[in-house]
C-alpha atoms as a PDB file:
ATOM      1  CA  MET A   1      17.170 -13.578  35.189  1.00  0.00           C
ATOM      2  CA  THR A   2      17.961 -15.982  32.318  1.00  0.00           C
ATOM      3  CA  ALA A   3      18.589 -19.713  32.824  1.00  0.00           C
ATOM      4  CA  GLU A   4      22.223 -19.165  31.854  1.00  0.00           C
ATOM      5  CA  THR A   5      22.647 -16.385  34.477  1.00  0.00           C
ATOM      6  CA  ALA A   6      21.116 -18.580  37.188  1.00  0.00           C
ATOM      7  CA  VAL A   7      23.475 -21.418  36.373  1.00  0.00           C
ATOM      8  CA  LYS A   8      26.440 -19.071  36.682  1.00  0.00           C
ATOM      9  CA  ALA A   9      25.100 -17.716  40.021  1.00  0.00           C
ATOM     10  CA  HIS A  10      24.839 -21.206  41.455  1.00  0.00           C
ATOM     11  CA  ARG A  11      28.143 -22.488  40.165  1.00  0.00           C
ATOM     12  CA  PRO A  12      30.480 -20.862  42.691  1.00  0.00           C
ATOM     13  CA  ARG A  13      28.182 -22.079  45.508  1.00  0.00           C
ATOM     14  CA  ARG A  14      28.288 -25.703  44.148  1.00  0.00           C
ATOM     15  CA  THR A  15      32.040 -25.474  43.657  1.00  0.00           C
ATOM     16  CA  GLY A  16      32.512 -24.257  47.203  1.00  0.00           C
ATOM     17  CA  ARG A  17      30.386 -27.224  48.544  1.00  0.00           C
ATOM     18  CA  ALA A  18      32.464 -29.593  46.438  1.00  0.00           C
ATOM     19  CA  ARG A  19      35.708 -28.292  47.867  1.00  0.00           C
ATOM     20  CA  LYS A  20      34.620 -28.594  51.516  1.00  0.00           C
ATOM     21  CA  PRO A  21      35.110 -32.479  51.759  1.00  0.00           C
ATOM     22  CA  LEU A  22      38.638 -32.088  50.227  1.00  0.00           C
ATOM     23  CA  LEU A  23      39.610 -29.286  52.648  1.00  0.00           C
ATOM     24  CA  TYR A  24      38.293 -31.403  55.612  1.00  0.00           C
ATOM     25  CA  THR A  25      40.157 -34.391  54.399  1.00  0.00           C
ATOM     26  CA  VAL A  26      43.472 -32.419  53.977  1.00  0.00           C
ATOM     27  CA  ALA A  27      43.004 -30.717  57.489  1.00  0.00           C
ATOM     28  CA  SER A  28      42.244 -34.100  59.070  1.00  0.00           C
ATOM     29  CA  LEU A  29      45.423 -35.701  57.560  1.00  0.00           C
ATOM     30  CA  GLY A  30      47.476 -32.721  58.745  1.00  0.00           C
ATOM     31  CA  LEU A  31      46.024 -32.978  62.231  1.00  0.00           C
ATOM     32  CA  LEU A  32      46.854 -36.672  62.233  1.00  0.00           C
ATOM     33  CA  VAL A  33      50.363 -36.135  61.258  1.00  0.00           C
ATOM     34  CA  MET A  34      51.021 -33.456  63.929  1.00  0.00           C
ATOM     35  CA  ALA A  35      49.110 -35.460  66.706  1.00  0.00           C
ATOM     36  CA  THR A  36      50.756 -38.787  66.037  1.00  0.00           C
ATOM     37  CA  PRO A  37      53.984 -38.135  67.887  1.00  0.00           C
ATOM     38  CA  PHE A  38      52.147 -36.730  70.810  1.00  0.00           C
ATOM     39  CA  LEU A  39      49.854 -39.685  71.031  1.00  0.00           C
ATOM     40  CA  TRP A  40      52.820 -42.048  70.825  1.00  0.00           C
ATOM     41  CA  MET A  41      54.496 -40.218  73.598  1.00  0.00           C
ATOM     42  CA  ALA A  42      51.449 -40.026  75.791  1.00  0.00           C
ATOM     43  CA  LEU A  43      50.630 -43.818  75.393  1.00  0.00           C
ATOM     44  CA  SER A  44      54.283 -44.902  75.775  1.00  0.00           C
ATOM     45  CA  ALA A  45      54.324 -43.229  79.216  1.00  0.00           C
ATOM     46  CA  PHE A  46      51.990 -45.890  80.469  1.00  0.00           C
ATOM     47  CA  LYS A  47      53.584 -48.948  78.618  1.00  0.00           C
ATOM     48  CA  THR A  48      55.638 -51.577  80.238  1.00  0.00           C
ATOM     49  CA  ARG A  49      59.168 -52.366  79.089  1.00  0.00           C
ATOM     50  CA  GLN A  50      57.891 -55.310  77.001  1.00  0.00           C
ATOM     51  CA  ASP A  51      55.405 -53.063  75.047  1.00  0.00           C
ATOM     52  CA  LEU A  52      58.090 -50.462  74.568  1.00  0.00           C
ATOM     53  CA  THR A  53      60.501 -52.944  73.048  1.00  0.00           C
ATOM     54  CA  ALA A  54      57.852 -55.043  71.155  1.00  0.00           C
ATOM     55  CA  SER A  55      58.223 -55.655  67.372  1.00  0.00           C
ATOM     56  CA  PRO A  56      56.070 -54.647  65.603  1.00  0.00           C
ATOM     57  CA  PRO A  57      55.365 -51.589  67.796  1.00  0.00           C
ATOM     58  CA  VAL A  58      52.407 -51.653  70.081  1.00  0.00           C
ATOM     59  CA  TRP A  59      50.281 -48.671  70.012  1.00  0.00           C
ATOM     60  CA  ILE A  60      47.816 -49.270  72.880  1.00  0.00           C
ATOM     61  CA  PRO A  61      49.473 -50.644  76.115  1.00  0.00           C
ATOM     62  CA  THR A  62      48.606 -54.179  76.865  1.00  0.00           C
ATOM     63  CA  HIS A  63      48.955 -53.469  80.561  1.00  0.00           C
ATOM     64  CA  TRP A  64      48.570 -49.874  81.670  1.00  0.00           C
ATOM     65  CA  THR A  65      51.111 -48.988  84.260  1.00  0.00           C
ATOM     66  CA  LEU A  66      52.367 -45.923  86.356  1.00  0.00           C
ATOM     67  CA  ASP A  67      55.807 -47.523  86.953  1.00  0.00           C
ATOM     68  CA  ASN A  68      57.401 -45.217  84.519  1.00  0.00           C
ATOM     69  CA  PHE A  69      56.208 -42.134  86.540  1.00  0.00           C
ATOM     70  CA  ALA A  70      57.331 -43.817  89.848  1.00  0.00           C
ATOM     71  CA  ALA A  71      60.702 -44.641  88.477  1.00  0.00           C
ATOM     72  CA  LEU A  72      61.129 -41.130  87.162  1.00  0.00           C
ATOM     73  CA  LEU A  73      60.255 -39.567  90.532  1.00  0.00           C
ATOM     74  CA  ASP A  74      62.640 -41.913  92.165  1.00  0.00           C
ATOM     75  CA  GLN A  75      65.578 -41.272  89.818  1.00  0.00           C
ATOM     76  CA  LEU A  76      65.073 -37.544  89.312  1.00  0.00           C
ATOM     77  CA  ASP A  77      64.140 -34.608  91.696  1.00  0.00           C
ATOM     78  CA  MET A  78      61.089 -33.793  89.481  1.00  0.00           C
ATOM     79  CA  PRO A  79      59.493 -31.451  91.948  1.00  0.00           C
ATOM     80  CA  ARG A  80      62.573 -29.315  92.081  1.00  0.00           C
ATOM     81  CA  TYR A  81      62.893 -29.165  88.296  1.00  0.00           C
ATOM     82  CA  PHE A  82      59.210 -28.563  87.825  1.00  0.00           C
ATOM     83  CA  LEU A  83      59.416 -25.774  90.382  1.00  0.00           C
ATOM     84  CA  ASN A  84      62.417 -24.203  88.544  1.00  0.00           C
ATOM     85  CA  SER A  85      60.629 -24.294  85.156  1.00  0.00           C
ATOM     86  CA  ALA A  86      57.470 -22.745  86.655  1.00  0.00           C
ATOM     87  CA  ILE A  87      59.354 -19.939  88.442  1.00  0.00           C
ATOM     88  CA  VAL A  88      61.271 -19.014  85.299  1.00  0.00           C
ATOM     89  CA  ALA A  89      58.332 -19.447  82.899  1.00  0.00           C
ATOM     90  CA  VAL A  90      55.915 -17.369  85.132  1.00  0.00           C
ATOM     91  CA  LEU A  91      58.400 -14.543  85.663  1.00  0.00           C
ATOM     92  CA  VAL A  92      59.345 -14.309  82.071  1.00  0.00           C
ATOM     93  CA  THR A  93      55.680 -14.345  81.057  1.00  0.00           C
ATOM     94  CA  VAL A  94      54.636 -11.656  83.555  1.00  0.00           C
ATOM     95  CA  SER A  95      57.626  -9.386  82.737  1.00  0.00           C
ATOM     96  CA  ASN A  96      56.808  -9.686  79.107  1.00  0.00           C
ATOM     97  CA  LEU A  97      53.135  -8.817  79.653  1.00  0.00           C
ATOM     98  CA  VAL A  98      54.126  -5.660  81.543  1.00  0.00           C
ATOM     99  CA  PHE A  99      57.063  -4.403  79.639  1.00  0.00           C
ATOM    100  CA  CYS A 100      55.911  -5.314  76.152  1.00  0.00           C
ATOM    101  CA  SER A 101      52.539  -3.722  76.795  1.00  0.00           C
ATOM    102  CA  MET A 102      54.067  -0.572  78.100  1.00  0.00           C
ATOM    103  CA  LEU A 103      56.432  -0.126  75.108  1.00  0.00           C
ATOM    104  CA  GLY A 104      53.724  -1.189  72.615  1.00  0.00           C
ATOM    105  CA  TYR A 105      51.370   1.454  74.155  1.00  0.00           C
ATOM    106  CA  ALA A 106      54.095   4.059  73.782  1.00  0.00           C
ATOM    107  CA  LEU A 107      54.790   3.157  70.267  1.00  0.00           C
ATOM    108  CA  ALA A 108      51.098   3.075  69.343  1.00  0.00           C
ATOM    109  CA  LYS A 109      49.580   5.986  71.197  1.00  0.00           C
ATOM    110  CA  LEU A 110      52.258   8.401  72.432  1.00  0.00           C
ATOM    111  CA  ASP A 111      53.881  10.983  70.210  1.00  0.00           C
ATOM    112  CA  PHE A 112      57.619  11.374  71.146  1.00  0.00           C
ATOM    113  CA  THR A 113      60.793  12.198  69.256  1.00  0.00           C
ATOM    114  CA  GLY A 114      62.305   9.162  67.684  1.00  0.00           C
ATOM    115  CA  ARG A 115      59.263   6.902  67.844  1.00  0.00           C
ATOM    116  CA  SER A 116      59.752   5.674  64.350  1.00  0.00           C
ATOM    117  CA  LYS A 117      63.413   4.954  65.033  1.00  0.00           C
ATOM    118  CA  VAL A 118      62.570   2.888  68.072  1.00  0.00           C
ATOM    119  CA  PHE A 119      59.952   0.826  66.161  1.00  0.00           C
ATOM    120  CA  GLY A 120      62.567   0.340  63.490  1.00  0.00           C
ATOM    121  CA  LEU A 121      64.905  -1.108  66.084  1.00  0.00           C
ATOM    122  CA  VAL A 122      62.058  -3.417  67.296  1.00  0.00           C
ATOM    123  CA  LEU A 123      61.589  -4.664  63.741  1.00  0.00           C
ATOM    124  CA  ALA A 124      65.316  -5.096  63.280  1.00  0.00           C
ATOM    125  CA  ALA A 125      65.505  -7.172  66.422  1.00  0.00           C
ATOM    126  CA  LEU A 126      62.858  -9.448  65.094  1.00  0.00           C
ATOM    127  CA  MET A 127      65.203 -10.317  62.203  1.00  0.00           C
ATOM    128  CA  VAL A 128      68.188 -11.328  64.399  1.00  0.00           C
ATOM    129  CA  PRO A 129      68.355 -15.090  65.138  1.00  0.00           C
ATOM    130  CA  GLY A 130      68.032 -15.813  68.879  1.00  0.00           C
ATOM    131  CA  ASN A 131      71.000 -18.148  68.924  1.00  0.00           C
ATOM    132  CA  LEU A 132      73.164 -15.264  67.800  1.00  0.00           C
ATOM    133  CA  MET A 133      72.676 -13.459  71.148  1.00  0.00           C
ATOM    134  CA  ILE A 134      73.635 -16.436  73.390  1.00  0.00           C
ATOM    135  CA  LEU A 135      77.255 -15.717  73.669  1.00  0.00           C
ATOM    136  CA  PRO A 136      76.918 -11.897  74.448  1.00  0.00           C
ATOM    137  CA  LEU A 137      74.187 -12.722  76.946  1.00  0.00           C
ATOM    138  CA  TYR A 138      76.330 -15.225  78.599  1.00  0.00           C
ATOM    139  CA  VAL A 139      79.284 -12.811  78.771  1.00  0.00           C
ATOM    140  CA  LEU A 140      76.841 -10.105  80.217  1.00  0.00           C
ATOM    141  CA  MET A 141      75.285 -12.415  82.873  1.00  0.00           C
ATOM    142  CA  ASN A 142      78.514 -13.919  83.834  1.00  0.00           C
ATOM    143  CA  GLY A 143      79.988 -10.491  84.360  1.00  0.00           C
ATOM    144  CA  MET A 144      77.034  -9.536  86.485  1.00  0.00           C
ATOM    145  CA  GLY A 145      77.486 -12.681  88.576  1.00  0.00           C
ATOM    146  CA  LEU A 146      74.078 -14.046  87.615  1.00  0.00           C
ATOM    147  CA  ILE A 147      75.021 -17.474  86.288  1.00  0.00           C
ATOM    148  CA  ASP A 148      73.314 -20.289  88.298  1.00  0.00           C
ATOM    149  CA  THR A 149      70.556 -17.862  89.485  1.00  0.00           C
ATOM    150  CA  TYR A 150      66.843 -17.347  88.645  1.00  0.00           C
ATOM    151  CA  ALA A 151      67.685 -13.731  87.583  1.00  0.00           C
ATOM    152  CA  GLY A 152      70.121 -15.050  85.084  1.00  0.00           C
ATOM    153  CA  LEU A 153      67.454 -17.228  83.607  1.00  0.00           C
ATOM    154  CA  VAL A 154      64.796 -14.604  83.556  1.00  0.00           C
ATOM    155  CA  LEU A 155      66.350 -11.182  82.681  1.00  0.00           C
ATOM    156  CA  PRO A 156      67.534 -12.019  79.191  1.00  0.00           C
ATOM    157  CA  PHE A 157      64.030 -12.797  78.149  1.00  0.00           C
ATOM    158  CA  ALA A 158      62.117 -10.232  80.303  1.00  0.00           C
ATOM    159  CA  ALA A 159      60.948  -8.479  77.157  1.00  0.00           C
ATOM    160  CA  GLY A 160      61.022  -9.480  73.540  1.00  0.00           C
ATOM    161  CA  ALA A 161      60.695  -7.781  70.249  1.00  0.00           C
ATOM    162  CA  PHE A 162      57.846 -10.020  69.088  1.00  0.00           C
ATOM    163  CA  GLY A 163      55.811  -9.114  72.121  1.00  0.00           C
ATOM    164  CA  VAL A 164      56.429  -5.352  71.641  1.00  0.00           C
ATOM    165  CA  PHE A 165      55.401  -5.656  67.944  1.00  0.00           C
ATOM    166  CA  LEU A 166      52.264  -7.671  68.817  1.00  0.00           C
ATOM    167  CA  MET A 167      51.046  -5.323  71.515  1.00  0.00           C
ATOM    168  CA  ARG A 168      51.646  -2.285  69.351  1.00  0.00           C
ATOM    169  CA  GLN A 169      49.559  -3.750  66.499  1.00  0.00           C
ATOM    170  CA  PHE A 170      46.695  -4.449  68.819  1.00  0.00           C
ATOM    171  CA  MET A 171      46.911  -1.077  70.564  1.00  0.00           C
ATOM    172  CA  LEU A 172      46.702   0.734  67.238  1.00  0.00           C
ATOM    173  CA  GLN A 173      43.125  -0.604  67.047  1.00  0.00           C
ATOM    174  CA  VAL A 174      42.157   1.276  70.253  1.00  0.00           C
ATOM    175  CA  PRO A 175      40.255   4.433  69.204  1.00  0.00           C
ATOM    176  CA  ASP A 176      42.172   7.592  69.776  1.00  0.00           C
ATOM    177  CA  GLU A 177      39.000   9.426  70.570  1.00  0.00           C
ATOM    178  CA  LEU A 178      38.458   7.159  73.569  1.00  0.00           C
ATOM    179  CA  LEU A 179      41.867   8.093  74.988  1.00  0.00           C
ATOM    180  CA  GLU A 180      41.353  11.817  74.243  1.00  0.00           C
ATOM    181  CA  ALA A 181      38.064  11.783  76.072  1.00  0.00           C
ATOM    182  CA  ALA A 182      39.760  10.146  79.016  1.00  0.00           C
ATOM    183  CA  ARG A 183      42.482  12.817  79.011  1.00  0.00           C
ATOM    184  CA  LEU A 184      39.804  15.589  78.884  1.00  0.00           C
ATOM    185  CA  ASP A 185      38.241  14.087  81.970  1.00  0.00           C
ATOM    186  CA  GLY A 186      41.651  14.421  83.735  1.00  0.00           C
ATOM    187  CA  ALA A 187      42.852  10.917  83.500  1.00  0.00           C
ATOM    188  CA  GLY A 188      46.630  10.490  83.455  1.00  0.00           C
ATOM    189  CA  GLU A 189      48.503   8.155  81.074  1.00  0.00           C
ATOM    190  CA  TRP A 190      49.063   5.439  83.719  1.00  0.00           C
ATOM    191  CA  TYR A 191      45.255   5.304  84.446  1.00  0.00           C
ATOM    192  CA  ILE A 192      44.519   5.355  80.653  1.00  0.00           C
ATOM    193  CA  PHE A 193      47.133   2.466  80.081  1.00  0.00           C
ATOM    194  CA  TRP A 194      46.032   0.258  83.002  1.00  0.00           C
ATOM    195  CA  ARG A 195      42.288   0.869  83.235  1.00  0.00           C
ATOM    196  CA  ILE A 196      41.233   1.546  79.619  1.00  0.00           C
ATOM    197  CA  VAL A 197      43.749   0.124  77.149  1.00  0.00           C
ATOM    198  CA  MET A 198      44.788  -3.102  78.877  1.00  0.00           C
ATOM    199  CA  PRO A 199      41.223  -4.391  79.249  1.00  0.00           C
ATOM    200  CA  LEU A 200      40.666  -3.724  75.563  1.00  0.00           C
ATOM    201  CA  VAL A 201      43.578  -5.913  74.445  1.00  0.00           C
ATOM    202  CA  LYS A 202      42.912  -9.110  76.322  1.00  0.00           C
ATOM    203  CA  PRO A 203      43.144 -11.197  73.178  1.00  0.00           C
ATOM    204  CA  ALA A 204      46.671  -9.814  72.539  1.00  0.00           C
ATOM    205  CA  LEU A 205      47.596 -10.455  76.196  1.00  0.00           C
ATOM    206  CA  ALA A 206      46.360 -14.090  75.959  1.00  0.00           C
ATOM    207  CA  THR A 207      48.290 -14.532  72.737  1.00  0.00           C
ATOM    208  CA  LEU A 208      51.387 -13.122  74.249  1.00  0.00           C
ATOM    209  CA  THR A 209      50.984 -15.221  77.347  1.00  0.00           C
ATOM    210  CA  ILE A 210      50.776 -18.453  75.456  1.00  0.00           C
ATOM    211  CA  PHE A 211      53.602 -17.764  73.054  1.00  0.00           C
ATOM    212  CA  THR A 212      55.936 -16.462  75.960  1.00  0.00           C
ATOM    213  CA  PHE A 213      55.015 -19.261  78.429  1.00  0.00           C
ATOM    214  CA  LEU A 214      55.419 -21.939  75.717  1.00  0.00           C
ATOM    215  CA  GLY A 215      58.831 -20.519  74.658  1.00  0.00           C
ATOM    216  CA  SER A 216      60.200 -20.125  78.189  1.00  0.00           C
ATOM    217  CA  TRP A 217      58.844 -23.527  79.445  1.00  0.00           C
ATOM    218  CA  ASN A 218      60.494 -25.289  76.504  1.00  0.00           C
ATOM    219  CA  ASN A 219      63.685 -23.156  76.401  1.00  0.00           C
ATOM    220  CA  PHE A 220      66.591 -25.542  76.513  1.00  0.00           C
ATOM    221  CA  ILE A 221      69.739 -23.881  75.097  1.00  0.00           C
ATOM    222  CA  TRP A 222      69.970 -20.860  77.497  1.00  0.00           C
ATOM    223  CA  PRO A 223      69.195 -22.780  80.678  1.00  0.00           C
ATOM    224  CA  LEU A 224      71.660 -25.477  79.689  1.00  0.00           C
ATOM    225  CA  ILE A 225      74.415 -22.829  79.273  1.00  0.00           C
ATOM    226  CA  ALA A 226      73.497 -20.505  82.198  1.00  0.00           C
ATOM    227  CA  THR A 227      73.242 -23.382  84.805  1.00  0.00           C
ATOM    228  CA  ASN A 228      75.960 -25.466  86.256  1.00  0.00           C
ATOM    229  CA  ASP A 229      74.205 -26.333  89.456  1.00  0.00           C
ATOM    230  CA  PRO A 230      71.800 -29.333  89.064  1.00  0.00           C
ATOM    231  CA  ASP A 231      69.526 -27.679  91.677  1.00  0.00           C
ATOM    232  CA  LYS A 232      68.837 -24.827  89.148  1.00  0.00           C
ATOM    233  CA  TYR A 233      68.077 -27.147  86.176  1.00  0.00           C
ATOM    234  CA  THR A 234      64.838 -26.675  84.400  1.00  0.00           C
ATOM    235  CA  LEU A 235      62.733 -29.708  83.250  1.00  0.00           C
ATOM    236  CA  PRO A 236      64.092 -29.763  79.664  1.00  0.00           C
ATOM    237  CA  VAL A 237      67.688 -29.648  80.808  1.00  0.00           C
ATOM    238  CA  ALA A 238      67.139 -32.277  83.517  1.00  0.00           C
ATOM    239  CA  LEU A 239      65.388 -34.710  81.043  1.00  0.00           C
ATOM    240  CA  ALA A 240      68.250 -34.163  78.406  1.00  0.00           C
ATOM    241  CA  THR A 241      70.895 -34.815  81.078  1.00  0.00           C
ATOM    242  CA  PHE A 242      68.973 -37.919  82.117  1.00  0.00           C
ATOM    243  CA  ALA A 243      68.666 -39.086  78.470  1.00  0.00           C
ATOM    244  CA  ASN A 244      72.429 -39.053  78.201  1.00  0.00           C
ATOM    245  CA  ASP A 245      72.979 -40.858  81.431  1.00  0.00           C
ATOM    246  CA  PRO A 246      74.499 -44.431  80.567  1.00  0.00           C
ATOM    247  CA  ASN A 247      72.526 -45.831  83.562  1.00  0.00           C
ATOM    248  CA  ARG A 248      69.219 -44.738  82.071  1.00  0.00           C
ATOM    249  CA  THR A 249      68.370 -48.064  80.431  1.00  0.00           C
ATOM    250  CA  VAL A 250      68.984 -49.909  83.611  1.00  0.00           C
ATOM    251  CA  ALA A 251      67.005 -47.500  85.694  1.00  0.00           C
ATOM    252  CA  GLY A 252      63.892 -47.399  83.508  1.00  0.00           C
ATOM    253  CA  GLY A 253      64.613 -46.990  79.849  1.00  0.00           C
ATOM    254  CA  ASN A 254      62.631 -44.947  77.350  1.00  0.00           C
ATOM    255  CA  GLY A 255      59.407 -45.192  79.303  1.00  0.00           C
ATOM    256  CA  MET A 256      60.794 -42.780  81.888  1.00  0.00           C
ATOM    257  CA  LEU A 257      61.700 -40.381  79.200  1.00  0.00           C
ATOM    258  CA  MET A 258      58.151 -40.581  77.758  1.00  0.00           C
ATOM    259  CA  ALA A 259      56.668 -40.054  81.198  1.00  0.00           C
ATOM    260  CA  GLY A 260      58.941 -37.020  81.773  1.00  0.00           C
ATOM    261  CA  SER A 261      58.128 -35.650  78.376  1.00  0.00           C
ATOM    262  CA  LEU A 262      54.426 -35.969  79.110  1.00  0.00           C
ATOM    263  CA  LEU A 263      54.869 -34.064  82.373  1.00  0.00           C
ATOM    264  CA  VAL A 264      56.634 -31.345  80.456  1.00  0.00           C
ATOM    265  CA  VAL A 265      53.775 -30.992  77.872  1.00  0.00           C
ATOM    266  CA  LEU A 266      50.848 -30.914  80.384  1.00  0.00           C
ATOM    267  CA  PRO A 267      51.317 -27.410  81.736  1.00  0.00           C
ATOM    268  CA  VAL A 268      51.520 -25.982  78.295  1.00  0.00           C
ATOM    269  CA  LEU A 269      48.265 -27.720  77.232  1.00  0.00           C
ATOM    270  CA  PHE A 270      46.690 -26.390  80.482  1.00  0.00           C
ATOM    271  CA  VAL A 271      47.680 -22.814  79.703  1.00  0.00           C
ATOM    272  CA  PHE A 272      46.429 -23.186  76.130  1.00  0.00           C
ATOM    273  CA  ALA A 273      43.120 -24.651  77.087  1.00  0.00           C
ATOM    274  CA  VAL A 274      42.497 -21.849  79.618  1.00  0.00           C
ATOM    275  CA  LEU A 275      43.362 -19.086  77.010  1.00  0.00           C
ATOM    276  CA  GLN A 276      42.212 -20.776  73.870  1.00  0.00           C
ATOM    277  CA  ARG A 277      39.202 -18.482  73.222  1.00  0.00           C
ATOM    278  CA  HIS A 278      41.216 -15.310  73.645  1.00  0.00           C
ATOM    279  CA  PHE A 279      44.137 -16.789  71.718  1.00  0.00           C
ATOM    280  CA  THR A 280      41.954 -17.629  68.687  1.00  0.00           C
ATOM    281  CA  GLN A 281      40.483 -14.146  68.750  1.00  0.00           C
ATOM    282  CA  GLY A 282      43.954 -12.650  69.041  1.00  0.00           C
ATOM    283  CA  VAL A 283      45.400 -14.515  66.097  1.00  0.00           C
ATOM    284  CA  ALA A 284      42.357 -13.680  63.952  1.00  0.00           C
ATOM    285  CA  THR A 285      42.645  -9.988  64.610  1.00  0.00           C
ATOM    286  CA  ALA A 286      46.429  -9.523  64.871  1.00  0.00           C
ATOM    287  CA  GLY A 287      47.736  -6.654  62.805  1.00  0.00           C
ATOM    288  CA  LEU A 288      44.327  -5.262  61.785  1.00  0.00           C
ATOM    289  CA  LYS A 289      43.431  -1.680  62.112  1.00  0.00           C
END
């Protein structure tokens, strides 16, 4: 190997090393931009009224306090709203895991007439804006008498096109030979689906769980439209209603909103922390075959 060849061989490696500090700097700046609003919200939940109205703004509370949380629990029925959000989010997530997995398995591993057309409908549904379906869904739920019910909040989102597409792409990676061997041993499709395929797609299930739970927990437009009874309000709707209350400033001000927003975010962070490893693996391998 000549000296010129050796220089050329080491040049890409040196270039890659030189780029790493720049990439780390850009990634750190992006993380800072994304995390700043959350940090401000979390710190403001523990600030006094003086710190919240201080000029220039105070980042770290001078006196840490839980008064905002106490005032929030006193002004709003937070346990009821939290329970409503939990019931709706859990039911929507579980139903998506079951139904999207079943349809994804059928589209990936079962040969039936019209399979490509069904998959085409799934892709077409991905392109339809969700807000476009609000009015038809409301007319349907109202006609069925499901307004102001948990069923009315859950059924419209019991299965989604994104979940079907995600599960199908993952299940395509399951070897057909493994399923054929199970069929030769006398296993039925239900046994194959539940005992063989589902354990192999845990990363996809974790990914779908996080996306579905996050979307349902933070859903605001549909619960706002589909609920008239305050006892059926979810957390986002209750906080938005409270934010528009003219007595909010007297009751506790923005500190109560920050405390409520922090309570809304914590369950999502918990779910993500529990499923983070599977979620990362799922995103990394999505769509590969």
